[in-house]
Amino acid sequence: MKKKILLIIIILLLVIFVGLALFAAKMHYEKINQEEINSSIHGVVIGEKVPFYNKAEVDNVRQIKLLEKGENVYILDEFEAYDIEWYKIKVDGKINGYVRAETVDYYKEINSEKVLVSDVSQFNKDKNFKDSKEFEVFLLENKISYVYIRAGGRGYGEKGNFYTDENYQMYVKACEYLNVPYGFYFLEEALNSKEIDEEVEFIKNFLKDNKGKNCVLPVALDIENHGGKGRADNIWETRYTLVQELLKDLKKEKIDAIVYSNAQTANLFLSELKTKFWLAYYPEEYKVPKYWYFDTNQPGASNTKLQKRTIGWQFTEHGAGEEIPQDLDVSLMKKDFYK
């Protein structure tokens, strides 16, 4: 009887020991795996049906599977073999293998003085992008350097209720994965100082809840004329004083901000603001311009106050022909404006 009990105890100890050893091995593997992910470059499959190999070879080599366009991968290494550029990548956070480098891309900082910027909202969901993966492919294929994402705003109606964009998290997810610098924009419609305080609180709380490590661009305050539909459309002669109050109060909260507006509206009513401007004017929407906003004939292009402070130019709301075929807003911005 004693021998049987002793045998049972030994077996139980062995089971516990093996279980602990397997658990330790699993934890060690997961740690190494996570370290590889943390030190990797976050890439996206940009080819259709991309072969994923278990070796960096093309002849007599096992193909693990085909990768779909838009699939997220982690690039662990880049090298040349057999006159082919290869990436060693991790797929699904755990499977290592190899793909041709030309089939995977990742965010690269552009060195030119002015860079392409896209602003997006819930209205681009389904119209332009089915999900965050399609948005990632768009950013990489069109060399988009910065992204502005609609946070929400104050409604046009008499009550001026606040709303949050329904799909902002999709765009945040894509920018955070690719390490693309981004910021939020907010549609401003305050009529008095009390409402300015409410807007500061909304913006402050939104950033607190949603600002990721790549959210480095200043908040853009969208100040527009809505053709009589906007609740602030009747106070343009004095509206700049409320906007300046909002900018000042945001600064007290250590929140940097710029102003987005139509170029003509900014010229007529907002040029006295002490802020940086992002202006919308669409002279030629079918291509990316080689010139800058102040080289156009737009009324106000010679406004010296705006000239000194304008850092961005939204040159289209319908893409740019073959260069950027998606039907959406695109801007040029001075690369280092926020630094």
Protein backbone atom coordinates (compact mmCIF):
# COMPACT_ATOMS: atom_id res chain seq x y z
CA MET A 1 0.00 0.00 0.00
CA LYS A 2 2.82 2.38 0.94
CA LYS A 3 4.63 1.59 -2.33
CA LYS A 4 1.48 2.35 -4.33
CA ILE A 5 1.02 5.72 -2.53
CA LEU A 6 4.69 6.55 -3.10
CA LEU A 7 4.36 5.69 -6.79
CA ILE A 8 1.29 7.94 -7.12
CA ILE A 9 3.16 10.81 -5.43
CA ILE A 10 6.14 10.37 -7.78
CA ILE A 11 3.85 10.34 -10.83
CA LEU A 12 2.06 13.48 -9.60
CA LEU A 13 5.39 15.21 -9.01
CA LEU A 14 6.55 14.23 -12.50
CA VAL A 15 3.31 15.55 -14.02
CA ILE A 16 3.71 18.83 -12.10
CA PHE A 17 7.38 19.10 -13.11
CA VAL A 18 6.63 18.44 -16.78
CA GLY A 19 3.72 20.89 -16.65
CA LEU A 20 5.91 23.59 -15.10
CA ALA A 21 8.65 22.93 -17.66
CA LEU A 22 6.19 23.20 -20.55
CA PHE A 23 4.69 26.37 -19.06
CA ALA A 24 8.17 27.91 -18.64
CA ALA A 25 9.07 26.98 -22.22
CA LYS A 26 5.79 28.49 -23.48
CA MET A 27 6.40 31.71 -21.52
CA HIS A 28 9.98 31.90 -22.83
CA TYR A 29 8.78 31.42 -26.42
CA GLU A 30 6.10 34.08 -26.01
CA LYS A 31 8.65 36.49 -24.53
CA ILE A 32 11.08 35.96 -27.44
CA ASN A 33 8.19 36.24 -29.90
CA GLN A 34 7.00 39.52 -28.37
CA GLU A 35 10.55 40.92 -28.33
CA GLU A 36 10.79 40.20 -32.07
CA ILE A 37 7.47 41.98 -32.67
CA ASN A 38 8.49 44.98 -30.55
CA SER A 39 11.77 45.42 -32.44
CA SER A 40 10.26 44.82 -35.90
CA ILE A 41 9.14 47.19 -38.64
CA HIS A 42 5.36 47.07 -39.01
CA GLY A 43 4.62 46.29 -42.64
CA VAL A 44 1.61 45.66 -44.86
CA VAL A 45 1.24 43.23 -47.77
CA ILE A 46 0.73 45.35 -50.90
CA GLY A 47 0.72 42.59 -53.53
CA GLU A 48 -2.10 40.25 -54.51
CA LYS A 49 -1.81 36.63 -53.31
CA VAL A 50 1.80 36.95 -52.10
CA PRO A 51 3.73 33.67 -51.63
CA PHE A 52 5.01 33.21 -48.06
CA TYR A 53 7.97 30.78 -48.02
CA ASN A 54 9.69 28.84 -45.25
CA LYS A 55 13.07 29.68 -46.86
CA ALA A 56 14.39 32.68 -48.80
CA GLU A 57 14.37 30.69 -52.03
CA VAL A 58 12.02 30.30 -54.99
CA ASP A 59 12.93 26.86 -56.37
CA ASN A 60 11.94 23.62 -54.63
CA VAL A 61 10.92 25.47 -51.46
CA ARG A 62 7.78 24.95 -49.40
CA GLN A 63 5.18 27.68 -49.66
CA ILE A 64 3.59 28.16 -46.24
CA LYS A 65 0.56 30.02 -47.61
CA LEU A 66 -0.55 32.96 -49.76
CA LEU A 67 -0.83 36.34 -48.03
CA GLU A 68 -3.76 38.63 -48.83
CA LYS A 69 -3.35 42.30 -49.81
CA GLY A 70 -3.63 44.51 -46.71
CA GLU A 71 -2.51 41.80 -44.30
CA ASN A 72 -0.40 43.10 -41.39
CA VAL A 73 3.06 41.59 -40.96
CA TYR A 74 6.15 42.26 -38.86
CA ILE A 75 9.41 42.72 -40.78
CA LEU A 76 12.26 41.12 -38.81
CA ASP A 77 15.10 41.40 -41.35
CA GLU A 78 15.92 42.62 -44.85
CA PHE A 79 18.58 41.00 -47.05
CA GLU A 80 19.47 39.86 -50.58
CA ALA A 81 19.64 36.25 -51.74
CA TYR A 82 19.77 34.87 -55.29
CA ASP A 83 19.69 38.46 -56.63
CA ILE A 84 16.32 38.99 -54.92
CA GLU A 85 15.52 41.40 -52.07
CA TRP A 86 13.84 39.50 -49.24
CA TYR A 87 12.08 40.27 -45.98
CA LYS A 88 12.02 37.86 -43.11
CA ILE A 89 8.58 38.44 -41.61
CA LYS A 90 6.30 37.27 -38.85
CA VAL A 91 2.66 36.62 -39.74
CA ASP A 92 -0.27 36.28 -37.30
CA GLY A 93 2.13 37.29 -34.54
CA LYS A 94 3.80 33.87 -34.46
CA ILE A 95 4.75 32.31 -37.85
CA ASN A 96 8.14 33.25 -39.30
CA GLY A 97 8.88 33.02 -43.01
CA TYR A 98 10.09 34.92 -46.08
CA VAL A 99 8.58 37.10 -48.82
CA ARG A 100 9.99 39.13 -51.69
CA ALA A 101 10.58 42.67 -50.37
CA GLU A 102 8.70 44.21 -53.30
CA THR A 103 5.45 42.64 -52.04
CA VAL A 104 5.49 44.27 -48.58
CA ASP A 105 5.79 47.94 -47.68
CA TYR A 106 6.01 50.05 -44.52
CA TYR A 107 5.84 53.72 -43.54
CA LYS A 108 8.97 55.65 -44.50
CA GLU A 109 9.57 59.28 -43.58
CA ILE A 110 9.64 61.55 -46.66
CA ASN A 111 12.57 63.95 -46.91
CA SER A 112 10.94 66.64 -49.05
CA GLU A 113 10.05 70.03 -47.56
CA LYS A 114 6.31 69.54 -48.15
CA VAL A 115 4.52 66.21 -47.66
CA LEU A 116 1.14 64.71 -48.50
CA VAL A 117 -1.54 64.64 -45.81
CA SER A 118 -4.95 62.97 -45.82
CA ASP A 119 -7.85 63.89 -43.53
CA VAL A 120 -10.51 61.23 -42.94
CA SER A 121 -13.80 60.71 -41.14
CA GLN A 122 -16.70 58.30 -40.91
CA PHE A 123 -17.75 59.41 -44.41
CA ASN A 124 -14.67 57.70 -45.90
CA LYS A 125 -15.63 54.36 -44.35
CA ASP A 126 -17.10 52.10 -47.05
CA LYS A 127 -16.87 54.91 -49.63
CA ASN A 128 -13.06 54.68 -49.74
CA PHE A 129 -11.99 52.05 -47.20
CA LYS A 130 -13.73 48.91 -46.03
CA ASP A 131 -11.50 48.57 -42.95
CA SER A 132 -8.21 49.71 -41.38
CA LYS A 133 -6.19 47.35 -43.60
CA GLU A 134 -7.45 49.02 -46.78
CA PHE A 135 -6.63 52.38 -45.22
CA GLU A 136 -3.10 51.19 -44.45
CA VAL A 137 -2.60 50.15 -48.08
CA PHE A 138 -3.85 53.60 -49.20
CA LEU A 139 -1.34 55.37 -46.92
CA LEU A 140 1.59 53.30 -48.19
CA GLU A 141 0.69 53.29 -51.89
CA ASN A 142 0.20 57.08 -51.96
CA LYS A 143 3.13 58.00 -49.70
CA ILE A 144 0.89 59.81 -47.19
CA SER A 145 3.11 61.25 -44.45
CA TYR A 146 0.51 62.57 -41.96
CA VAL A 147 -3.14 61.88 -41.22
CA TYR A 148 -5.82 64.08 -39.67
CA ILE A 149 -8.74 62.13 -38.19
CA ARG A 150 -12.10 63.67 -37.34
CA ALA A 151 -12.65 63.47 -33.59
CA GLY A 152 -16.13 64.99 -33.75
CA GLY A 153 -17.53 68.41 -33.14
CA ARG A 154 -20.48 70.54 -32.16
CA GLY A 155 -23.64 70.12 -34.23
CA TYR A 156 -24.93 72.82 -36.57
CA GLY A 157 -28.37 72.98 -34.94
CA GLU A 158 -29.61 75.42 -32.34
CA LYS A 159 -28.75 73.11 -29.44
CA GLY A 160 -25.21 72.55 -30.69
CA ASN A 161 -24.92 69.07 -29.23
CA PHE A 162 -21.51 67.39 -29.30
CA TYR A 163 -20.90 64.28 -31.40
CA THR A 164 -17.99 61.89 -31.88
CA ASP A 165 -16.99 60.49 -35.27
CA GLU A 166 -18.28 56.93 -35.60
CA ASN A 167 -15.15 55.47 -37.22
CA TYR A 168 -12.20 57.43 -35.82
CA GLN A 169 -10.83 54.35 -34.05
CA MET A 170 -10.36 52.53 -37.37
CA TYR A 171 -7.99 55.24 -38.59
CA VAL A 172 -6.19 55.50 -35.25
CA LYS A 173 -5.57 51.74 -35.33
CA ALA A 174 -3.98 51.98 -38.80
CA CYS A 175 -1.76 54.95 -37.91
CA GLU A 176 -0.62 53.40 -34.65
CA TYR A 177 0.24 50.11 -36.35
CA LEU A 178 2.21 51.77 -39.18
CA ASN A 179 3.73 54.46 -36.90
CA VAL A 180 2.30 57.21 -39.13
CA PRO A 181 2.11 60.60 -37.33
CA TYR A 182 -1.49 61.72 -36.93
CA GLY A 183 -3.72 64.26 -35.23
CA PHE A 184 -7.42 64.96 -34.67
CA TYR A 185 -9.65 67.67 -36.05
CA PHE A 186 -12.73 69.14 -34.38
CA LEU A 187 -15.64 71.06 -35.97
CA GLU A 188 -16.05 74.26 -33.96
CA GLU A 189 -19.39 76.10 -33.65
CA ALA A 190 -19.32 77.97 -30.29
CA LEU A 191 -21.44 81.09 -29.85
CA ASN A 192 -20.10 82.35 -26.52
CA SER A 193 -17.44 81.88 -23.84
CA LYS A 194 -19.48 79.26 -21.97
CA GLU A 195 -19.58 77.13 -25.10
CA ILE A 196 -15.84 77.66 -25.60
CA ASP A 197 -15.29 76.15 -22.14
CA GLU A 198 -17.44 73.17 -23.18
CA GLU A 199 -15.39 72.66 -26.34
CA VAL A 200 -12.12 72.77 -24.41
CA GLU A 201 -13.48 70.09 -22.07
CA PHE A 202 -14.65 67.92 -24.99
CA ILE A 203 -11.27 68.13 -26.77
CA LYS A 204 -9.29 67.58 -23.57
CA ASN A 205 -11.29 64.46 -22.62
CA PHE A 206 -11.18 63.08 -26.17
CA LEU A 207 -7.38 63.37 -26.29
CA LYS A 208 -7.06 61.85 -22.83
CA ASP A 209 -9.02 58.80 -23.96
CA ASN A 210 -7.67 58.42 -27.51
CA LYS A 211 -4.20 59.94 -27.91
CA GLY A 212 -1.70 57.24 -28.85
CA LYS A 213 2.09 57.41 -29.12
CA ASN A 214 1.93 58.52 -32.78
CA CYS A 215 -0.63 61.28 -32.11
CA VAL A 216 1.88 64.12 -32.42
CA LEU A 217 0.12 66.64 -34.68
CA PRO A 218 -1.68 69.60 -33.09
CA VAL A 219 -5.48 69.58 -32.90
CA ALA A 220 -7.01 71.21 -36.00
CA LEU A 221 -10.03 73.44 -35.30
CA ASP A 222 -12.33 73.28 -38.32
CA ILE A 223 -13.78 76.79 -38.73
CA GLU A 224 -16.06 76.94 -41.77
CA ASN A 225 -18.95 78.83 -43.30
CA HIS A 226 -21.82 76.38 -43.81
CA GLY A 227 -23.95 78.54 -46.05
CA GLY A 228 -26.33 79.65 -43.31
CA LYS A 229 -26.77 76.11 -41.89
CA GLY A 230 -24.09 76.52 -39.24
CA ARG A 231 -25.16 77.94 -35.90
CA ALA A 232 -22.15 80.32 -35.99
CA ASP A 233 -22.70 81.51 -39.56
CA ASN A 234 -24.24 84.79 -38.36
CA ILE A 235 -21.32 85.96 -36.22
CA TRP A 236 -18.43 86.01 -38.71
CA GLU A 237 -17.52 89.64 -38.01
CA THR A 238 -16.64 88.76 -34.41
CA ARG A 239 -16.15 84.99 -34.57
CA TYR A 240 -12.35 85.25 -34.65
CA THR A 241 -12.42 86.60 -31.07
CA LEU A 242 -14.13 83.40 -29.85
CA VAL A 243 -11.73 81.23 -31.85
CA GLN A 244 -8.76 83.09 -30.35
CA GLU A 245 -10.25 82.49 -26.90
CA LEU A 246 -10.50 78.77 -27.69
CA LEU A 247 -6.88 78.66 -28.89
CA LYS A 248 -5.75 80.47 -25.73
CA ASP A 249 -7.71 78.18 -23.40
CA LEU A 250 -6.41 75.04 -25.17
CA LYS A 251 -2.87 76.33 -24.75
CA LYS A 252 -3.51 76.66 -20.99
CA GLU A 253 -4.34 72.95 -21.05
CA LYS A 254 -1.06 72.32 -22.92
CA ILE A 255 -2.97 71.38 -26.10
CA ASP A 256 -1.42 72.71 -29.31
CA ALA A 257 -3.90 73.71 -32.03
CA ILE A 258 -4.06 75.08 -35.57
CA VAL A 259 -7.00 76.41 -37.60
CA TYR A 260 -8.42 74.73 -40.70
CA SER A 261 -10.65 76.86 -42.92
CA ASN A 262 -11.61 77.73 -46.46
CA ALA A 263 -9.00 80.10 -47.89
CA GLN A 264 -11.51 82.84 -48.72
CA THR A 265 -13.14 82.64 -45.28
CA ALA A 266 -9.75 82.84 -43.58
CA ASN A 267 -8.79 85.85 -45.68
CA LEU A 268 -12.04 87.71 -44.90
CA PHE A 269 -12.49 86.90 -41.22
CA LEU A 270 -9.67 84.94 -39.56
CA SER A 271 -6.28 86.35 -40.61
CA GLU A 272 -5.95 88.25 -37.31
CA LEU A 273 -5.77 84.97 -35.40
CA LYS A 274 -2.41 84.21 -33.80
CA THR A 275 -2.15 80.64 -34.99
CA LYS A 276 -1.00 78.43 -37.84
CA PHE A 277 -3.41 77.93 -40.74
CA TRP A 278 -4.38 74.97 -42.90
CA LEU A 279 -6.33 76.36 -45.85
CA ALA A 280 -8.63 74.73 -48.39
CA TYR A 281 -8.64 75.89 -52.02
CA TYR A 282 -9.16 73.65 -55.05
CA PRO A 283 -7.83 75.12 -58.32
CA GLU A 284 -6.83 71.83 -60.04
CA GLU A 285 -8.14 68.69 -58.42
CA TYR A 286 -6.87 66.18 -60.94
CA LYS A 287 -3.19 66.19 -59.91
CA VAL A 288 -0.80 66.84 -57.05
CA PRO A 289 0.41 70.43 -57.51
CA LYS A 290 4.09 71.27 -57.91
CA TYR A 291 3.45 74.78 -56.63
CA TRP A 292 2.27 76.19 -53.28
CA TYR A 293 -1.03 77.83 -52.33
CA PHE A 294 0.32 81.40 -52.47
CA ASP A 295 1.31 80.93 -56.12
CA THR A 296 -2.41 80.75 -57.04
CA ASN A 297 -4.80 83.56 -57.95
CA GLN A 298 -7.09 82.85 -55.02
CA PRO A 299 -8.31 86.11 -53.41
CA GLY A 300 -6.27 86.49 -50.26
CA ALA A 301 -3.22 84.62 -51.52
CA SER A 302 -1.32 87.88 -51.10
CA ASN A 303 -2.49 88.31 -47.48
CA THR A 304 0.88 88.68 -45.74
CA LYS A 305 -0.52 87.69 -42.33
CA LEU A 306 -1.78 84.39 -43.75
CA GLN A 307 1.41 83.87 -45.74
CA LYS A 308 3.51 83.89 -42.58
CA ARG A 309 1.27 81.41 -40.79
CA THR A 310 -0.03 79.00 -43.43
CA ILE A 311 1.53 75.54 -43.03
CA GLY A 312 -0.97 73.41 -44.94
CA TRP A 313 -2.95 73.55 -48.17
CA GLN A 314 -5.85 71.21 -48.87
CA PHE A 315 -5.68 71.23 -52.67
CA THR A 316 -8.41 68.69 -53.44
CA GLU A 317 -11.49 67.02 -52.01
CA HIS A 318 -11.70 64.45 -54.82
CA GLY A 319 -8.25 62.84 -54.94
CA ALA A 320 -5.72 63.63 -57.67
CA GLY A 321 -6.51 61.68 -60.80
CA GLU A 322 -4.16 58.79 -61.54
CA GLU A 323 -1.72 59.94 -58.84
CA ILE A 324 -4.27 59.51 -56.03
CA PRO A 325 -7.37 57.79 -57.48
CA GLN A 326 -9.37 57.72 -54.23
CA ASP A 327 -12.15 60.31 -54.01
CA LEU A 328 -11.11 62.10 -50.81
CA ASP A 329 -9.37 65.14 -49.28
CA VAL A 330 -5.62 65.51 -49.76
CA SER A 331 -3.32 68.31 -48.60
CA LEU A 332 0.26 69.46 -48.82
CA MET A 333 1.83 70.43 -45.50
CA LYS A 334 5.18 71.79 -44.46
CA LYS A 335 6.88 68.71 -43.10
CA ASP A 336 8.23 70.15 -39.86
CA PHE A 337 5.37 72.51 -39.01
CA TYR A 338 4.51 70.79 -35.71
CA LYS A 339 8.07 70.33 -34.52
